[in-house]
Amino acid sequence: MALERGKLSNVVVVSAGSTVGIITVVSSKKVYVKSIIAHSPGIGAAATTTAQIYFIPNGESASTNTKIFDISLNSGETVLVEPSYPLVIDTTGDSIQVGAGSSTVNFLITGDKEV
């Protein structure tokens, strides 16, 4: 099994109140998520916001049933979410999605994926 190491996405900018996909499994190729960086650049009216991370099985959507992290961020703050063991998504269509609360949040995801 060959792995491609490093970032799994470019910086993903999520607007206030939105949720977007950041990585999706293609052709049953395993993805190992090692860390997710969330940064509040201070765009929007709120001094604080929240960032959500969802582990979405194929065919499901972002909801309280698929949320795995809910982070409070001050304007200008960066948080590193680093599980003690990588999150593994391995079924075609499974994904990690991220959301922003009351203002914009930037996300970056790192890890490995099968090639």
PDB file of N, CA and C in Angstrom:
ATOM      1  N   MET A   1       0.837  -1.169   0.000  1.00  0.00           N
ATOM      2  CA  MET A   1       0.000   0.000   0.000  1.00  0.00           C
ATOM      3  C   MET A   1       0.886   1.237   0.000  1.00  0.00           C
ATOM      4  N   ALA A   2       0.808   2.021  -1.048  1.00  0.00           N
ATOM      5  CA  ALA A   2       1.562   3.269  -1.135  1.00  0.00           C
ATOM      6  C   ALA A   2       0.733   4.406  -0.553  1.00  0.00           C
ATOM      7  N   LEU A   3       1.403   5.293   0.187  1.00  0.00           N
ATOM      8  CA  LEU A   3       0.716   6.429   0.793  1.00  0.00           C
ATOM      9  C   LEU A   3       1.282   7.736   0.270  1.00  0.00           C
ATOM     10  N   GLU A   4       0.399   8.689   0.071  1.00  0.00           N
ATOM     11  CA  GLU A   4       0.794  10.051  -0.247  1.00  0.00           C
ATOM     12  C   GLU A   4       0.695  10.828   1.060  1.00  0.00           C
ATOM     13  N   ARG A   5       1.793  11.391   1.504  1.00  0.00           N
ATOM     14  CA  ARG A   5       1.841  12.050   2.812  1.00  0.00           C
ATOM     15  C   ARG A   5       1.779  13.561   2.679  1.00  0.00           C
ATOM     16  N   GLY A   6       1.251  14.204   3.731  1.00  0.00           N
ATOM     17  CA  GLY A   6       1.244  15.660   3.771  1.00  0.00           C
ATOM     18  C   GLY A   6      -0.139  16.222   3.909  1.00  0.00           C
ATOM     19  N   LYS A   7      -0.347  17.381   3.315  1.00  0.00           N
ATOM     20  CA  LYS A   7      -1.657  18.016   3.423  1.00  0.00           C
ATOM     21  C   LYS A   7      -2.659  17.262   2.553  1.00  0.00           C
ATOM     22  N   LEU A   8      -3.867  17.180   3.046  1.00  0.00           N
ATOM     23  CA  LEU A   8      -4.927  16.508   2.302  1.00  0.00           C
ATOM     24  C   LEU A   8      -5.803  17.513   1.556  1.00  0.00           C
ATOM     25  N   SER A   9      -5.602  18.788   1.865  1.00  0.00           N
ATOM     26  CA  SER A   9      -6.369  19.831   1.187  1.00  0.00           C
ATOM     27  C   SER A   9      -5.566  21.123   1.214  1.00  0.00           C
ATOM     28  N   ASN A  10      -5.959  22.048   0.375  1.00  0.00           N
ATOM     29  CA  ASN A  10      -5.478  23.411   0.512  1.00  0.00           C
ATOM     30  C   ASN A  10      -6.281  24.052   1.624  1.00  0.00           C
ATOM     31  N   VAL A  11      -5.985  25.288   1.970  1.00  0.00           N
ATOM     32  CA  VAL A  11      -6.786  25.980   2.978  1.00  0.00           C
ATOM     33  C   VAL A  11      -8.216  26.097   2.439  1.00  0.00           C
ATOM     34  N   VAL A  12      -9.167  25.680   3.264  1.00  0.00           N
ATOM     35  CA  VAL A  12     -10.579  25.754   2.903  1.00  0.00           C
ATOM     36  C   VAL A  12     -11.211  26.862   3.737  1.00  0.00           C
ATOM     37  N   VAL A  13     -11.753  27.873   3.074  1.00  0.00           N
ATOM     38  CA  VAL A  13     -12.397  28.998   3.744  1.00  0.00           C
ATOM     39  C   VAL A  13     -13.891  28.704   3.828  1.00  0.00           C
ATOM     40  N   VAL A  14     -14.404  28.659   5.065  1.00  0.00           N
ATOM     41  CA  VAL A  14     -15.815  28.351   5.282  1.00  0.00           C
ATOM     42  C   VAL A  14     -16.507  29.613   5.797  1.00  0.00           C
ATOM     43  N   SER A  15     -17.495  30.073   5.054  1.00  0.00           N
ATOM     44  CA  SER A  15     -18.240  31.277   5.435  1.00  0.00           C
ATOM     45  C   SER A  15     -19.132  31.010   6.632  1.00  0.00           C
ATOM     46  N   ALA A  16     -19.464  32.062   7.342  1.00  0.00           N
ATOM     47  CA  ALA A  16     -20.334  31.965   8.517  1.00  0.00           C
ATOM     48  C   ALA A  16     -21.609  31.194   8.192  1.00  0.00           C
ATOM     49  N   GLY A  17     -21.943  30.246   9.058  1.00  0.00           N
ATOM     50  CA  GLY A  17     -23.171  29.479   8.902  1.00  0.00           C
ATOM     51  C   GLY A  17     -23.130  28.387   7.855  1.00  0.00           C
ATOM     52  N   SER A  18     -21.964  28.122   7.281  1.00  0.00           N
ATOM     53  CA  SER A  18     -21.845  27.125   6.209  1.00  0.00           C
ATOM     54  C   SER A  18     -21.103  25.883   6.677  1.00  0.00           C
ATOM     55  N   THR A  19     -21.334  24.790   5.969  1.00  0.00           N
ATOM     56  CA  THR A  19     -20.610  23.537   6.161  1.00  0.00           C
ATOM     57  C   THR A  19     -20.164  23.052   4.786  1.00  0.00           C
ATOM     58  N   VAL A  20     -18.887  22.635   4.667  1.00  0.00           N
ATOM     59  CA  VAL A  20     -18.376  22.156   3.379  1.00  0.00           C
ATOM     60  C   VAL A  20     -17.551  20.888   3.576  1.00  0.00           C
ATOM     61  N   GLY A  21     -17.466  20.093   2.526  1.00  0.00           N
ATOM     62  CA  GLY A  21     -16.610  18.913   2.539  1.00  0.00           C
ATOM     63  C   GLY A  21     -15.160  19.316   2.385  1.00  0.00           C
ATOM     64  N   ILE A  22     -14.282  18.651   3.142  1.00  0.00           N
ATOM     65  CA  ILE A  22     -12.860  18.979   3.072  1.00  0.00           C
ATOM     66  C   ILE A  22     -12.059  17.802   2.513  1.00  0.00           C
ATOM     67  N   ILE A  23     -12.544  16.577   2.714  1.00  0.00           N
ATOM     68  CA  ILE A  23     -11.905  15.385   2.128  1.00  0.00           C
ATOM     69  C   ILE A  23     -12.973  14.297   1.989  1.00  0.00           C
ATOM     70  N   THR A  24     -12.951  13.577   0.856  1.00  0.00           N
ATOM     71  CA  THR A  24     -13.896  12.494   0.602  1.00  0.00           C
ATOM     72  C   THR A  24     -13.132  11.294   0.066  1.00  0.00           C
ATOM     73  N   VAL A  25     -13.509  10.105   0.516  1.00  0.00           N
ATOM     74  CA  VAL A  25     -12.878   8.868   0.045  1.00  0.00           C
ATOM     75  C   VAL A  25     -13.328   8.581  -1.385  1.00  0.00           C
ATOM     76  N   VAL A  26     -12.348   8.279  -2.242  1.00  0.00           N
ATOM     77  CA  VAL A  26     -12.603   7.943  -3.634  1.00  0.00           C
ATOM     78  C   VAL A  26     -12.095   6.521  -3.868  1.00  0.00           C
ATOM     79  N   SER A  27     -12.878   5.685  -4.514  1.00  0.00           N
ATOM     80  CA  SER A  27     -12.477   4.326  -4.909  1.00  0.00           C
ATOM     81  C   SER A  27     -11.967   3.491  -3.732  1.00  0.00           C
ATOM     82  N   SER A  28     -12.599   3.632  -2.583  1.00  0.00           N
ATOM     83  CA  SER A  28     -12.246   2.870  -1.366  1.00  0.00           C
ATOM     84  C   SER A  28     -10.775   2.997  -0.978  1.00  0.00           C
ATOM     85  N   LYS A  29     -10.144   4.109  -1.321  1.00  0.00           N
ATOM     86  CA  LYS A  29      -8.760   4.380  -0.922  1.00  0.00           C
ATOM     87  C   LYS A  29      -8.782   5.010   0.468  1.00  0.00           C
ATOM     88  N   LYS A  30      -8.135   4.369   1.432  1.00  0.00           N
ATOM     89  CA  LYS A  30      -8.151   4.848   2.809  1.00  0.00           C
ATOM     90  C   LYS A  30      -7.511   6.222   2.939  1.00  0.00           C
ATOM     91  N   VAL A  31      -8.094   7.034   3.821  1.00  0.00           N
ATOM     92  CA  VAL A  31      -7.568   8.354   4.153  1.00  0.00           C
ATOM     93  C   VAL A  31      -7.350   8.382   5.659  1.00  0.00           C
ATOM     94  N   TYR A  32      -6.150   8.802   6.059  1.00  0.00           N
ATOM     95  CA  TYR A  32      -5.784   8.888   7.476  1.00  0.00           C
ATOM     96  C   TYR A  32      -5.645  10.365   7.829  1.00  0.00           C
ATOM     97  N   VAL A  33      -6.575  10.880   8.610  1.00  0.00           N
ATOM     98  CA  VAL A  33      -6.557  12.288   9.001  1.00  0.00           C
ATOM     99  C   VAL A  33      -5.776  12.411  10.304  1.00  0.00           C
ATOM    100  N   LYS A  34      -4.626  13.089  10.234  1.00  0.00           N
ATOM    101  CA  LYS A  34      -3.768  13.238  11.409  1.00  0.00           C
ATOM    102  C   LYS A  34      -4.063  14.507  12.184  1.00  0.00           C
ATOM    103  N   SER A  35      -4.382  15.605  11.491  1.00  0.00           N
ATOM    104  CA  SER A  35      -4.697  16.842  12.192  1.00  0.00           C
ATOM    105  C   SER A  35      -5.581  17.738  11.337  1.00  0.00           C
ATOM    106  N   ILE A  36      -6.316  18.586  12.038  1.00  0.00           N
ATOM    107  CA  ILE A  36      -7.137  19.593  11.386  1.00  0.00           C
ATOM    108  C   ILE A  36      -6.837  20.911  12.080  1.00  0.00           C
ATOM    109  N   ILE A  37      -6.462  21.909  11.291  1.00  0.00           N
ATOM    110  CA  ILE A  37      -6.161  23.230  11.816  1.00  0.00           C
ATOM    111  C   ILE A  37      -7.357  24.126  11.509  1.00  0.00           C
ATOM    112  N   ALA A  38      -7.841  24.835  12.536  1.00  0.00           N
ATOM    113  CA  ALA A  38      -8.940  25.782  12.367  1.00  0.00           C
ATOM    114  C   ALA A  38      -8.461  27.152  12.807  1.00  0.00           C
ATOM    115  N   HIS A  39      -8.687  28.165  11.961  1.00  0.00           N
ATOM    116  CA  HIS A  39      -8.252  29.534  12.263  1.00  0.00           C
ATOM    117  C   HIS A  39      -9.394  30.500  12.015  1.00  0.00           C
ATOM    118  N   SER A  40      -9.623  31.387  12.975  1.00  0.00           N
ATOM    119  CA  SER A  40     -10.622  32.444  12.816  1.00  0.00           C
ATOM    120  C   SER A  40      -9.916  33.727  12.409  1.00  0.00           C
ATOM    121  N   PRO A  41     -10.020  34.123  11.143  1.00  0.00           N
ATOM    122  CA  PRO A  41      -9.317  35.322  10.685  1.00  0.00           C
ATOM    123  C   PRO A  41      -9.978  36.621  11.128  1.00  0.00           C
ATOM    124  N   GLY A  42     -11.106  36.532  11.818  1.00  0.00           N
ATOM    125  CA  GLY A  42     -11.763  37.738  12.297  1.00  0.00           C
ATOM    126  C   GLY A  42     -12.628  38.414  11.253  1.00  0.00           C
ATOM    127  N   ILE A  43     -13.038  37.682  10.227  1.00  0.00           N
ATOM    128  CA  ILE A  43     -13.905  38.235   9.181  1.00  0.00           C
ATOM    129  C   ILE A  43     -15.355  38.025   9.621  1.00  0.00           C
ATOM    130  N   GLY A  44     -16.084  39.095   9.762  1.00  0.00           N
ATOM    131  CA  GLY A  44     -17.466  39.026  10.228  1.00  0.00           C
ATOM    132  C   GLY A  44     -17.608  39.852  11.494  1.00  0.00           C
ATOM    133  N   ALA A  45     -18.809  39.971  11.968  1.00  0.00           N
ATOM    134  CA  ALA A  45     -19.098  40.852  13.097  1.00  0.00           C
ATOM    135  C   ALA A  45     -18.751  40.237  14.455  1.00  0.00           C
ATOM    136  N   ALA A  46     -18.665  38.939  14.544  1.00  0.00           N
ATOM    137  CA  ALA A  46     -18.491  38.284  15.839  1.00  0.00           C
ATOM    138  C   ALA A  46     -17.042  38.305  16.319  1.00  0.00           C
ATOM    139  N   ALA A  47     -16.850  38.543  17.617  1.00  0.00           N
ATOM    140  CA  ALA A  47     -15.516  38.484  18.216  1.00  0.00           C
ATOM    141  C   ALA A  47     -15.104  37.034  18.461  1.00  0.00           C
ATOM    142  N   THR A  48     -16.090  36.172  18.609  1.00  0.00           N
ATOM    143  CA  THR A  48     -15.834  34.736  18.759  1.00  0.00           C
ATOM    144  C   THR A  48     -16.720  33.994  17.779  1.00  0.00           C
ATOM    145  N   THR A  49     -16.310  32.796  17.446  1.00  0.00           N
ATOM    146  CA  THR A  49     -17.106  31.947  16.565  1.00  0.00           C
ATOM    147  C   THR A  49     -16.888  30.502  16.981  1.00  0.00           C
ATOM    148  N   THR A  50     -17.520  29.592  16.298  1.00  0.00           N
ATOM    149  CA  THR A  50     -17.298  28.167  16.524  1.00  0.00           C
ATOM    150  C   THR A  50     -16.876  27.508  15.220  1.00  0.00           C
ATOM    151  N   ALA A  51     -16.164  26.408  15.364  1.00  0.00           N
ATOM    152  CA  ALA A  51     -15.765  25.586  14.216  1.00  0.00           C
ATOM    153  C   ALA A  51     -16.235  24.176  14.507  1.00  0.00           C
ATOM    154  N   GLN A  52     -16.863  23.544  13.543  1.00  0.00           N
ATOM    155  CA  GLN A  52     -17.348  22.179  13.712  1.00  0.00           C
ATOM    156  C   GLN A  52     -16.626  21.242  12.755  1.00  0.00           C
ATOM    157  N   ILE A  53     -16.409  20.015  13.220  1.00  0.00           N
ATOM    158  CA  ILE A  53     -15.821  18.972  12.384  1.00  0.00           C
ATOM    159  C   ILE A  53     -16.758  17.779  12.429  1.00  0.00           C
ATOM    160  N   TYR A  54     -17.091  17.260  11.241  1.00  0.00           N
ATOM    161  CA  TYR A  54     -18.030  16.157  11.117  1.00  0.00           C
ATOM    162  C   TYR A  54     -17.359  14.965  10.438  1.00  0.00           C
ATOM    163  N   PHE A  55     -17.645  13.758  10.912  1.00  0.00           N
ATOM    164  CA  PHE A  55     -17.198  12.498  10.314  1.00  0.00           C
ATOM    165  C   PHE A  55     -18.444  11.921   9.657  1.00  0.00           C
ATOM    166  N   ILE A  56     -18.529  11.995   8.327  1.00  0.00           N
ATOM    167  CA  ILE A  56     -19.761  11.695   7.600  1.00  0.00           C
ATOM    168  C   ILE A  56     -19.680  10.364   6.844  1.00  0.00           C
ATOM    169  N   PRO A  57     -20.405   9.350   7.302  1.00  0.00           N
ATOM    170  CA  PRO A  57     -20.476   8.116   6.505  1.00  0.00           C
ATOM    171  C   PRO A  57     -21.213   8.373   5.187  1.00  0.00           C
ATOM    172  N   ASN A  58     -20.894   7.606   4.155  1.00  0.00           N
ATOM    173  CA  ASN A  58     -21.523   7.742   2.847  1.00  0.00           C
ATOM    174  C   ASN A  58     -23.040   7.744   2.989  1.00  0.00           C
ATOM    175  N   GLY A  59     -23.677   8.703   2.349  1.00  0.00           N
ATOM    176  CA  GLY A  59     -25.131   8.777   2.345  1.00  0.00           C
ATOM    177  C   GLY A  59     -25.719   9.571   3.497  1.00  0.00           C
ATOM    178  N   GLU A  60     -24.908  10.016   4.439  1.00  0.00           N
ATOM    179  CA  GLU A  60     -25.415  10.814   5.559  1.00  0.00           C
ATOM    180  C   GLU A  60     -25.008  12.266   5.365  1.00  0.00           C
ATOM    181  N   SER A  61     -25.431  13.117   6.286  1.00  0.00           N
ATOM    182  CA  SER A  61     -25.112  14.536   6.171  1.00  0.00           C
ATOM    183  C   SER A  61     -24.646  15.081   7.514  1.00  0.00           C
ATOM    184  N   ALA A  62     -24.136  16.297   7.490  1.00  0.00           N
ATOM    185  CA  ALA A  62     -23.653  16.943   8.703  1.00  0.00           C
ATOM    186  C   ALA A  62     -24.826  17.176   9.648  1.00  0.00           C
ATOM    187  N   SER A  63     -24.705  16.683  10.879  1.00  0.00           N
ATOM    188  CA  SER A  63     -25.753  16.841  11.890  1.00  0.00           C
ATOM    189  C   SER A  63     -25.134  16.598  13.263  1.00  0.00           C
ATOM    190  N   THR A  64     -25.930  16.731  14.289  1.00  0.00           N
ATOM    191  CA  THR A  64     -25.423  16.445  15.635  1.00  0.00           C
ATOM    192  C   THR A  64     -25.008  14.981  15.761  1.00  0.00           C
ATOM    193  N   ASN A  65     -25.566  14.108  14.928  1.00  0.00           N
ATOM    194  CA  ASN A  65     -25.207  12.678  14.971  1.00  0.00           C
ATOM    195  C   ASN A  65     -23.847  12.383  14.350  1.00  0.00           C
ATOM    196  N   THR A  66     -23.325  13.290  13.524  1.00  0.00           N
ATOM    197  CA  THR A  66     -22.037  13.053  12.863  1.00  0.00           C
ATOM    198  C   THR A  66     -20.957  14.036  13.309  1.00  0.00           C
ATOM    199  N   LYS A  67     -21.303  14.964  14.212  1.00  0.00           N
ATOM    200  CA  LYS A  67     -20.328  15.945  14.698  1.00  0.00           C
ATOM    201  C   LYS A  67     -19.373  15.277  15.674  1.00  0.00           C
ATOM    202  N   ILE A  68     -18.048  15.494  15.471  1.00  0.00           N
ATOM    203  CA  ILE A  68     -17.059  14.911  16.374  1.00  0.00           C
ATOM    204  C   ILE A  68     -16.285  15.967  17.154  1.00  0.00           C
ATOM    205  N   PHE A  69     -16.264  17.215  16.675  1.00  0.00           N
ATOM    206  CA  PHE A  69     -15.614  18.308  17.399  1.00  0.00           C
ATOM    207  C   PHE A  69     -16.432  19.579  17.223  1.00  0.00           C
ATOM    208  N   ASP A  70     -16.521  20.372  18.287  1.00  0.00           N
ATOM    209  CA  ASP A  70     -17.155  21.681  18.270  1.00  0.00           C
ATOM    210  C   ASP A  70     -16.230  22.599  19.056  1.00  0.00           C
ATOM    211  N   ILE A  71     -15.591  23.528  18.373  1.00  0.00           N
ATOM    212  CA  ILE A  71     -14.505  24.326  18.936  1.00  0.00           C
ATOM    213  C   ILE A  71     -14.914  25.795  19.005  1.00  0.00           C
ATOM    214  N   SER A  72     -14.639  26.446  20.134  1.00  0.00           N
ATOM    215  CA  SER A  72     -14.831  27.899  20.250  1.00  0.00           C
ATOM    216  C   SER A  72     -13.533  28.595  19.870  1.00  0.00           C
ATOM    217  N   LEU A  73     -13.636  29.619  19.025  1.00  0.00           N
ATOM    218  CA  LEU A  73     -12.465  30.360  18.556  1.00  0.00           C
ATOM    219  C   LEU A  73     -12.662  31.856  18.769  1.00  0.00           C
ATOM    220  N   ASN A  74     -11.659  32.518  19.309  1.00  0.00           N
ATOM    221  CA  ASN A  74     -11.645  33.976  19.359  1.00  0.00           C
ATOM    222  C   ASN A  74     -11.118  34.490  18.024  1.00  0.00           C
ATOM    223  N   SER A  75     -11.420  35.727  17.704  1.00  0.00           N
ATOM    224  CA  SER A  75     -10.921  36.332  16.475  1.00  0.00           C
ATOM    225  C   SER A  75      -9.396  36.297  16.476  1.00  0.00           C
ATOM    226  N   GLY A  76      -8.803  35.791  15.394  1.00  0.00           N
ATOM    227  CA  GLY A  76      -7.349  35.697  15.266  1.00  0.00           C
ATOM    228  C   GLY A  76      -6.748  34.441  15.881  1.00  0.00           C
ATOM    229  N   GLU A  77      -7.561  33.580  16.473  1.00  0.00           N
ATOM    230  CA  GLU A  77      -7.061  32.373  17.145  1.00  0.00           C
ATOM    231  C   GLU A  77      -6.971  31.188  16.181  1.00  0.00           C
ATOM    232  N   THR A  78      -5.959  30.345  16.415  1.00  0.00           N
ATOM    233  CA  THR A  78      -5.788  29.103  15.662  1.00  0.00           C
ATOM    234  C   THR A  78      -5.800  27.938  16.636  1.00  0.00           C
ATOM    235  N   VAL A  79      -6.522  26.872  16.276  1.00  0.00           N
ATOM    236  CA  VAL A  79      -6.598  25.671  17.102  1.00  0.00           C
ATOM    237  C   VAL A  79      -6.178  24.484  16.254  1.00  0.00           C
ATOM    238  N   LEU A  80      -5.345  23.617  16.846  1.00  0.00           N
ATOM    239  CA  LEU A  80      -4.921  22.382  16.196  1.00  0.00           C
ATOM    240  C   LEU A  80      -5.677  21.234  16.840  1.00  0.00           C
ATOM    241  N   VAL A  81      -6.440  20.500  16.036  1.00  0.00           N
ATOM    242  CA  VAL A  81      -7.147  19.310  16.506  1.00  0.00           C
ATOM    243  C   VAL A  81      -6.321  18.126  16.041  1.00  0.00           C
ATOM    244  N   GLU A  82      -5.777  17.390  16.998  1.00  0.00           N
ATOM    245  CA  GLU A  82      -4.887  16.281  16.681  1.00  0.00           C
ATOM    246  C   GLU A  82      -5.282  15.060  17.514  1.00  0.00           C
ATOM    247  N   PRO A  83      -6.149  14.195  16.941  1.00  0.00           N
ATOM    248  CA  PRO A  83      -6.568  12.996  17.686  1.00  0.00           C
ATOM    249  C   PRO A  83      -5.350  12.141  18.051  1.00  0.00           C
ATOM    250  N   SER A  84      -5.457  11.385  19.144  1.00  0.00           N
ATOM    251  CA  SER A  84      -4.337  10.542  19.564  1.00  0.00           C
ATOM    252  C   SER A  84      -4.035   9.455  18.535  1.00  0.00           C
ATOM    253  N   TYR A  85      -5.004   9.091  17.725  1.00  0.00           N
ATOM    254  CA  TYR A  85      -4.806   8.150  16.623  1.00  0.00           C
ATOM    255  C   TYR A  85      -5.513   8.753  15.413  1.00  0.00           C
ATOM    256  N   PRO A  86      -4.945   8.647  14.214  1.00  0.00           N
ATOM    257  CA  PRO A  86      -5.580   9.265  13.042  1.00  0.00           C
ATOM    258  C   PRO A  86      -7.018   8.785  12.832  1.00  0.00           C
ATOM    259  N   LEU A  87      -7.852   9.689  12.357  1.00  0.00           N
ATOM    260  CA  LEU A  87      -9.202   9.318  11.939  1.00  0.00           C
ATOM    261  C   LEU A  87      -9.049   8.593  10.607  1.00  0.00           C
ATOM    262  N   VAL A  88      -9.653   7.435  10.468  1.00  0.00           N
ATOM    263  CA  VAL A  88      -9.539   6.659   9.236  1.00  0.00           C
ATOM    264  C   VAL A  88     -10.901   6.634   8.554  1.00  0.00           C
ATOM    265  N   ILE A  89     -10.945   7.136   7.330  1.00  0.00           N
ATOM    266  CA  ILE A  89     -12.156   7.001   6.519  1.00  0.00           C
ATOM    267  C   ILE A  89     -11.783   6.113   5.342  1.00  0.00           C
ATOM    268  N   ASP A  90     -12.610   5.085   5.090  1.00  0.00           N
ATOM    269  CA  ASP A  90     -12.178   4.064   4.133  1.00  0.00           C
ATOM    270  C   ASP A  90     -13.259   3.538   3.198  1.00  0.00           C
ATOM    271  N   THR A  91     -14.448   4.085   3.233  1.00  0.00           N
ATOM    272  CA  THR A  91     -15.509   3.633   2.343  1.00  0.00           C
ATOM    273  C   THR A  91     -15.803   4.738   1.334  1.00  0.00           C
ATOM    274  N   THR A  92     -15.887   4.383   0.063  1.00  0.00           N
ATOM    275  CA  THR A  92     -16.169   5.375  -0.971  1.00  0.00           C
ATOM    276  C   THR A  92     -17.363   6.233  -0.564  1.00  0.00           C
ATOM    277  N   GLY A  93     -17.168   7.540  -0.608  1.00  0.00           N
ATOM    278  CA  GLY A  93     -18.227   8.481  -0.247  1.00  0.00           C
ATOM    279  C   GLY A  93     -18.156   8.983   1.181  1.00  0.00           C
ATOM    280  N   ASP A  94     -17.413   8.290   2.064  1.00  0.00           N
ATOM    281  CA  ASP A  94     -17.224   8.798   3.428  1.00  0.00           C
ATOM    282  C   ASP A  94     -16.460  10.108   3.336  1.00  0.00           C
ATOM    283  N   SER A  95     -16.711  11.023   4.271  1.00  0.00           N
ATOM    284  CA  SER A  95     -16.032  12.315   4.193  1.00  0.00           C
ATOM    285  C   SER A  95     -15.845  12.951   5.563  1.00  0.00           C
ATOM    286  N   ILE A  96     -14.981  13.946   5.575  1.00  0.00           N
ATOM    287  CA  ILE A  96     -14.835  14.853   6.700  1.00  0.00           C
ATOM    288  C   ILE A  96     -15.352  16.195   6.197  1.00  0.00           C
ATOM    289  N   GLN A  97     -16.292  16.778   6.934  1.00  0.00           N
ATOM    290  CA  GLN A  97     -16.817  18.089   6.591  1.00  0.00           C
ATOM    291  C   GLN A  97     -16.540  19.027   7.747  1.00  0.00           C
ATOM    292  N   VAL A  98     -16.453  20.310   7.444  1.00  0.00           N
ATOM    293  CA  VAL A  98     -16.164  21.322   8.452  1.00  0.00           C
ATOM    294  C   VAL A  98     -17.175  22.456   8.327  1.00  0.00           C
ATOM    295  N   GLY A  99     -17.438  23.102   9.467  1.00  0.00           N
ATOM    296  CA  GLY A  99     -18.411  24.186   9.472  1.00  0.00           C
ATOM    297  C   GLY A  99     -17.929  25.369  10.283  1.00  0.00           C
ATOM    298  N   ALA A 100     -18.541  26.515  10.020  1.00  0.00           N
ATOM    299  CA  ALA A 100     -18.221  27.751  10.732  1.00  0.00           C
ATOM    300  C   ALA A 100     -19.489  28.294  11.370  1.00  0.00           C
ATOM    301  N   GLY A 101     -19.322  28.854  12.557  1.00  0.00           N
ATOM    302  CA  GLY A 101     -20.459  29.428  13.275  1.00  0.00           C
ATOM    303  C   GLY A 101     -20.802  30.820  12.786  1.00  0.00           C
ATOM    304  N   SER A 102     -20.559  31.829  13.642  1.00  0.00           N
ATOM    305  CA  SER A 102     -21.015  33.192  13.361  1.00  0.00           C
ATOM    306  C   SER A 102     -20.061  34.028  12.514  1.00  0.00           C
ATOM    307  N   SER A 103     -18.875  33.514  12.206  1.00  0.00           N
ATOM    308  CA  SER A 103     -17.974  34.209  11.275  1.00  0.00           C
ATOM    309  C   SER A 103     -17.098  33.193  10.548  1.00  0.00           C
ATOM    310  N   THR A 104     -16.367  33.651   9.551  1.00  0.00           N
ATOM    311  CA  THR A 104     -15.542  32.804   8.692  1.00  0.00           C
ATOM    312  C   THR A 104     -14.471  32.052   9.484  1.00  0.00           C
ATOM    313  N   VAL A 105     -14.239  30.784   9.097  1.00  0.00           N
ATOM    314  CA  VAL A 105     -13.164  29.972   9.674  1.00  0.00           C
ATOM    315  C   VAL A 105     -12.392  29.340   8.521  1.00  0.00           C
ATOM    316  N   ASN A 106     -11.060  29.352   8.619  1.00  0.00           N
ATOM    317  CA  ASN A 106     -10.192  28.700   7.637  1.00  0.00           C
ATOM    318  C   ASN A 106      -9.753  27.349   8.210  1.00  0.00           C
ATOM    319  N   PHE A 107      -9.751  26.308   7.377  1.00  0.00           N
ATOM    320  CA  PHE A 107      -9.368  24.970   7.799  1.00  0.00           C
ATOM    321  C   PHE A 107      -8.257  24.427   6.901  1.00  0.00           C
ATOM    322  N   LEU A 108      -7.398  23.611   7.485  1.00  0.00           N
ATOM    323  CA  LEU A 108      -6.378  22.861   6.748  1.00  0.00           C
ATOM    324  C   LEU A 108      -6.317  21.481   7.374  1.00  0.00           C
ATOM    325  N   ILE A 109      -6.287  20.458   6.560  1.00  0.00           N
ATOM    326  CA  ILE A 109      -6.292  19.078   7.056  1.00  0.00           C
ATOM    327  C   ILE A 109      -5.006  18.389   6.582  1.00  0.00           C
ATOM    328  N   THR A 110      -4.364  17.652   7.481  1.00  0.00           N
ATOM    329  CA  THR A 110      -3.142  16.927   7.123  1.00  0.00           C
ATOM    330  C   THR A 110      -3.300  15.446   7.429  1.00  0.00           C
ATOM    331  N   GLY A 111      -2.527  14.636   6.739  1.00  0.00           N
ATOM    332  CA  GLY A 111      -2.568  13.184   6.942  1.00  0.00           C
ATOM    333  C   GLY A 111      -2.002  12.467   5.752  1.00  0.00           C
ATOM    334  N   ASP A 112      -2.465  11.241   5.568  1.00  0.00           N
ATOM    335  CA  ASP A 112      -1.987  10.391   4.482  1.00  0.00           C
ATOM    336  C   ASP A 112      -3.200   9.825   3.742  1.00  0.00           C
ATOM    337  N   LYS A 113      -2.973   9.496   2.460  1.00  0.00           N
ATOM    338  CA  LYS A 113      -4.023   8.801   1.708  1.00  0.00           C
ATOM    339  C   LYS A 113      -3.388   7.782   0.791  1.00  0.00           C
ATOM    340  N   GLU A 114      -4.115   6.686   0.585  1.00  0.00           N
ATOM    341  CA  GLU A 114      -3.641   5.651  -0.338  1.00  0.00           C
ATOM    342  C   GLU A 114      -3.677   6.199  -1.752  1.00  0.00           C
ATOM    343  N   VAL A 115      -2.689   5.778  -2.534  1.00  0.00           N
ATOM    344  CA  VAL A 115      -2.656   6.202  -3.934  1.00  0.00           C
ATOM    345  C   VAL A 115      -2.754   4.999  -4.841  1.00  0.00           C
TER     346      VAL A 115
END
